[in-house]
C-alpha atoms as a PDB file:
ATOM      1  CA  UNK A   1       0.000   0.000   0.000  1.00  0.00           C
ATOM      2  CA  UNK A   2       2.954   2.369  -0.065  1.00  0.00           C
ATOM      3  CA  UNK A   3       2.375   6.005   0.806  1.00  0.00           C
ATOM      4  CA  UNK A   4      -1.310   5.601   1.712  1.00  0.00           C
ATOM      5  CA  UNK A   5      -0.538   2.926   4.279  1.00  0.00           C
ATOM      6  CA  UNK A   6       2.314   4.993   5.723  1.00  0.00           C
ATOM      7  CA  UNK A   7       0.038   8.008   6.126  1.00  0.00           C
ATOM      8  CA  UNK A   8      -2.763   5.999   7.732  1.00  0.00           C
ATOM      9  CA  UNK A   9      -0.387   4.171  10.108  1.00  0.00           C
ATOM     10  CA  UNK A  10       1.237   7.463  11.124  1.00  0.00           C
ATOM     11  CA  UNK A  11      -2.208   9.016  11.640  1.00  0.00           C
ATOM     12  CA  UNK A  12      -3.247   6.166  13.962  1.00  0.00           C
ATOM     13  CA  UNK A  13       0.029   6.298  15.888  1.00  0.00           C
ATOM     14  CA  UNK A  14      -0.217  10.057  16.348  1.00  0.00           C
ATOM     15  CA  UNK A  15      -3.893   9.895  17.358  1.00  0.00           C
ATOM     16  CA  UNK A  16      -3.043   7.328  20.040  1.00  0.00           C
ATOM     17  CA  UNK A  17      -0.155   9.436  21.273  1.00  0.00           C
ATOM     18  CA  UNK A  18      -2.223  12.627  21.338  1.00  0.00           C
ATOM     19  CA  UNK A  19      -4.998  10.834  23.235  1.00  0.00           C
ATOM     20  CA  UNK A  20      -2.483   9.928  25.963  1.00  0.00           C
ATOM     21  CA  UNK A  21      -0.501  13.171  26.072  1.00  0.00           C
ATOM     22  CA  UNK A  22      -3.289  15.711  25.483  1.00  0.00           C
ATOM     23  CA  UNK A  23      -6.577  13.996  26.334  1.00  0.00           C
ATOM     24  CA  UNK A  24      -8.631  17.200  26.525  1.00  0.00           C
ATOM     25  CA  UNK A  25      -7.519  18.278  23.068  1.00  0.00           C
ATOM     26  CA  UNK A  26      -8.016  14.802  21.639  1.00  0.00           C
ATOM     27  CA  UNK A  27     -11.373  14.133  23.275  1.00  0.00           C
ATOM     28  CA  UNK A  28     -12.839  17.517  22.389  1.00  0.00           C
ATOM     29  CA  UNK A  29     -12.054  17.112  18.716  1.00  0.00           C
ATOM     30  CA  UNK A  30     -12.989  13.422  18.715  1.00  0.00           C
ATOM     31  CA  UNK A  31     -16.454  14.225  20.105  1.00  0.00           C
ATOM     32  CA  UNK A  32     -16.930  16.816  17.377  1.00  0.00           C
ATOM     33  CA  UNK A  33     -15.957  14.261  14.718  1.00  0.00           C
ATOM     34  CA  UNK A  34     -18.262  11.591  16.144  1.00  0.00           C
ATOM     35  CA  UNK A  35     -21.142  14.051  16.218  1.00  0.00           C
ATOM     36  CA  UNK A  36     -20.798  15.176  12.602  1.00  0.00           C
ATOM     37  CA  UNK A  37     -19.997  11.769  11.129  1.00  0.00           C
ATOM     38  CA  UNK A  38     -23.016  10.016  12.622  1.00  0.00           C
ATOM     39  CA  UNK A  39     -25.724   9.010  10.171  1.00  0.00           C
ATOM     40  CA  UNK A  40     -28.176  11.835   9.590  1.00  0.00           C
ATOM     41  CA  UNK A  41     -29.646  13.473   6.489  1.00  0.00           C
ATOM     42  CA  UNK A  42     -26.453  12.476   4.671  1.00  0.00           C
ATOM     43  CA  UNK A  43     -25.085   8.971   4.837  1.00  0.00           C
ATOM     44  CA  UNK A  44     -21.436   8.260   5.598  1.00  0.00           C
ATOM     45  CA  UNK A  45     -20.519   7.808   1.931  1.00  0.00           C
ATOM     46  CA  UNK A  46     -21.844  11.281   1.125  1.00  0.00           C
ATOM     47  CA  UNK A  47     -20.106  12.826   4.130  1.00  0.00           C
ATOM     48  CA  UNK A  48     -16.784  11.204   3.218  1.00  0.00           C
ATOM     49  CA  UNK A  49     -17.085  12.439  -0.371  1.00  0.00           C
ATOM     50  CA  UNK A  50     -17.660  15.960   0.953  1.00  0.00           C
ATOM     51  CA  UNK A  51     -14.598  15.501   3.159  1.00  0.00           C
ATOM     52  CA  UNK A  52     -12.558  14.470   0.081  1.00  0.00           C
ATOM     53  CA  UNK A  53     -13.517  17.753  -1.583  1.00  0.00           C
ATOM     54  CA  UNK A  54     -12.682  19.714   1.566  1.00  0.00           C
ATOM     55  CA  UNK A  55      -9.332  17.928   1.935  1.00  0.00           C
ATOM     56  CA  UNK A  56      -8.456  18.834  -1.647  1.00  0.00           C
ATOM     57  CA  UNK A  57      -9.567  22.455  -1.217  1.00  0.00           C
ATOM     58  CA  UNK A  58      -7.435  22.811   1.927  1.00  0.00           C
ATOM     59  CA  UNK A  59      -4.597  20.696   0.477  1.00  0.00           C
ATOM     60  CA  UNK A  60      -4.455  18.438   3.540  1.00  0.00           C
ATOM     61  CA  UNK A  61      -2.755  15.333   2.143  1.00  0.00           C
ATOM     62  CA  UNK A  62      -3.223  13.144   5.254  1.00  0.00           C
ATOM     63  CA  UNK A  63      -6.903  14.193   5.256  1.00  0.00           C
ATOM     64  CA  UNK A  64      -7.167  13.276   1.572  1.00  0.00           C
ATOM     65  CA  UNK A  65      -5.677   9.837   2.203  1.00  0.00           C
ATOM     66  CA  UNK A  66      -7.968   9.194   5.168  1.00  0.00           C
ATOM     67  CA  UNK A  67     -11.198  10.439   3.603  1.00  0.00           C
ATOM     68  CA  UNK A  68     -10.591   8.820   0.197  1.00  0.00           C
ATOM     69  CA  UNK A  69     -10.061   5.534   2.040  1.00  0.00           C
ATOM     70  CA  UNK A  70     -13.153   6.100   4.201  1.00  0.00           C
ATOM     71  CA  UNK A  71     -15.265   7.055   1.174  1.00  0.00           C
ATOM     72  CA  UNK A  72     -14.338   3.805  -0.537  1.00  0.00           C
ATOM     73  CA  UNK A  73     -15.020   1.852   2.670  1.00  0.00           C
ATOM     74  CA  UNK A  74     -18.510   3.381   2.742  1.00  0.00           C
ATOM     75  CA  UNK A  75     -19.269   2.422  -0.861  1.00  0.00           C
ATOM     76  CA  UNK A  76     -17.894   5.222  -3.029  1.00  0.00           C
ATOM     77  CA  UNK A  77     -16.404   4.289  -6.358  1.00  0.00           C
ATOM     78  CA  UNK A  78     -13.088   5.494  -7.717  1.00  0.00           C
ATOM     79  CA  UNK A  79     -15.021   7.758 -10.102  1.00  0.00           C
ATOM     80  CA  UNK A  80     -17.108   9.270  -7.300  1.00  0.00           C
ATOM     81  CA  UNK A  81     -13.989  10.028  -5.261  1.00  0.00           C
ATOM     82  CA  UNK A  82     -12.322  11.700  -8.247  1.00  0.00           C
ATOM     83  CA  UNK A  83     -15.515  13.684  -8.910  1.00  0.00           C
ATOM     84  CA  UNK A  84     -15.581  14.889  -5.289  1.00  0.00           C
ATOM     85  CA  UNK A  85     -11.913  15.851  -5.584  1.00  0.00           C
ATOM     86  CA  UNK A  86     -12.726  17.901  -8.681  1.00  0.00           C
ATOM     87  CA  UNK A  87     -15.107  20.045  -6.630  1.00  0.00           C
ATOM     88  CA  UNK A  88     -12.271  20.620  -4.158  1.00  0.00           C
ATOM     89  CA  UNK A  89     -10.048  21.771  -7.018  1.00  0.00           C
ATOM     90  CA  UNK A  90     -12.748  24.219  -8.082  1.00  0.00           C
ATOM     91  CA  UNK A  91     -12.554  25.827  -4.635  1.00  0.00           C
ATOM     92  CA  UNK A  92      -8.814  25.491  -4.069  1.00  0.00           C
ATOM     93  CA  UNK A  93      -7.449  26.288  -7.522  1.00  0.00           C
ATOM     94  CA  UNK A  94      -4.009  25.369  -8.797  1.00  0.00           C
ATOM     95  CA  UNK A  95      -2.467  24.213  -5.503  1.00  0.00           C
ATOM     96  CA  UNK A  96      -5.424  21.877  -4.932  1.00  0.00           C
ATOM     97  CA  UNK A  97      -5.014  20.523  -8.463  1.00  0.00           C
ATOM     98  CA  UNK A  98      -1.391  19.712  -7.603  1.00  0.00           C
ATOM     99  CA  UNK A  99      -2.504  17.925  -4.408  1.00  0.00           C
ATOM    100  CA  UNK A 100      -4.806  15.746  -6.516  1.00  0.00           C
ATOM    101  CA  UNK A 101      -2.320  15.238  -9.329  1.00  0.00           C
ATOM    102  CA  UNK A 102       0.510  14.219  -7.016  1.00  0.00           C
ATOM    103  CA  UNK A 103      -1.459  12.100  -4.534  1.00  0.00           C
ATOM    104  CA  UNK A 104      -5.039  11.040  -5.198  1.00  0.00           C
ATOM    105  CA  UNK A 105      -4.577   8.584  -8.070  1.00  0.00           C
ATOM    106  CA  UNK A 106      -1.796   6.807  -6.186  1.00  0.00           C
ATOM    107  CA  UNK A 107      -4.022   6.618  -3.100  1.00  0.00           C
ATOM    108  CA  UNK A 108      -6.853   5.208  -5.192  1.00  0.00           C
ATOM    109  CA  UNK A 109      -4.523   2.658  -6.752  1.00  0.00           C
ATOM    110  CA  UNK A 110      -3.627   1.541  -3.231  1.00  0.00           C
ATOM    111  CA  UNK A 111      -7.266   1.483  -2.117  1.00  0.00           C
ATOM    112  CA  UNK A 112      -9.136  -0.009  -5.051  1.00  0.00           C
ATOM    113  CA  UNK A 113      -6.460  -1.181  -7.442  1.00  0.00           C
END
């Protein structure tokens, strides 16, 4: 899984460390995440696709890896993930295009083959 796996493993390791060393910071943000990612008017696939677009727009590569993986886990296709990323490029411009160009297709290759 290459770079995607490295990013996701590092994310997990750092989340665990932050939970131990700064529990108030970790727990506050974690509660926010749990609240907004619960099933509601949008299902988890839709929410993860929105998060892909937001990750692209903000050029957060670890976020892009995580949310592309989550979107696929919740039923999104490769094409849907790329489409969501395109909306992020519309908001983020050239630097967001570079984030997609240099990362997303490799992540998708790792995720879906």
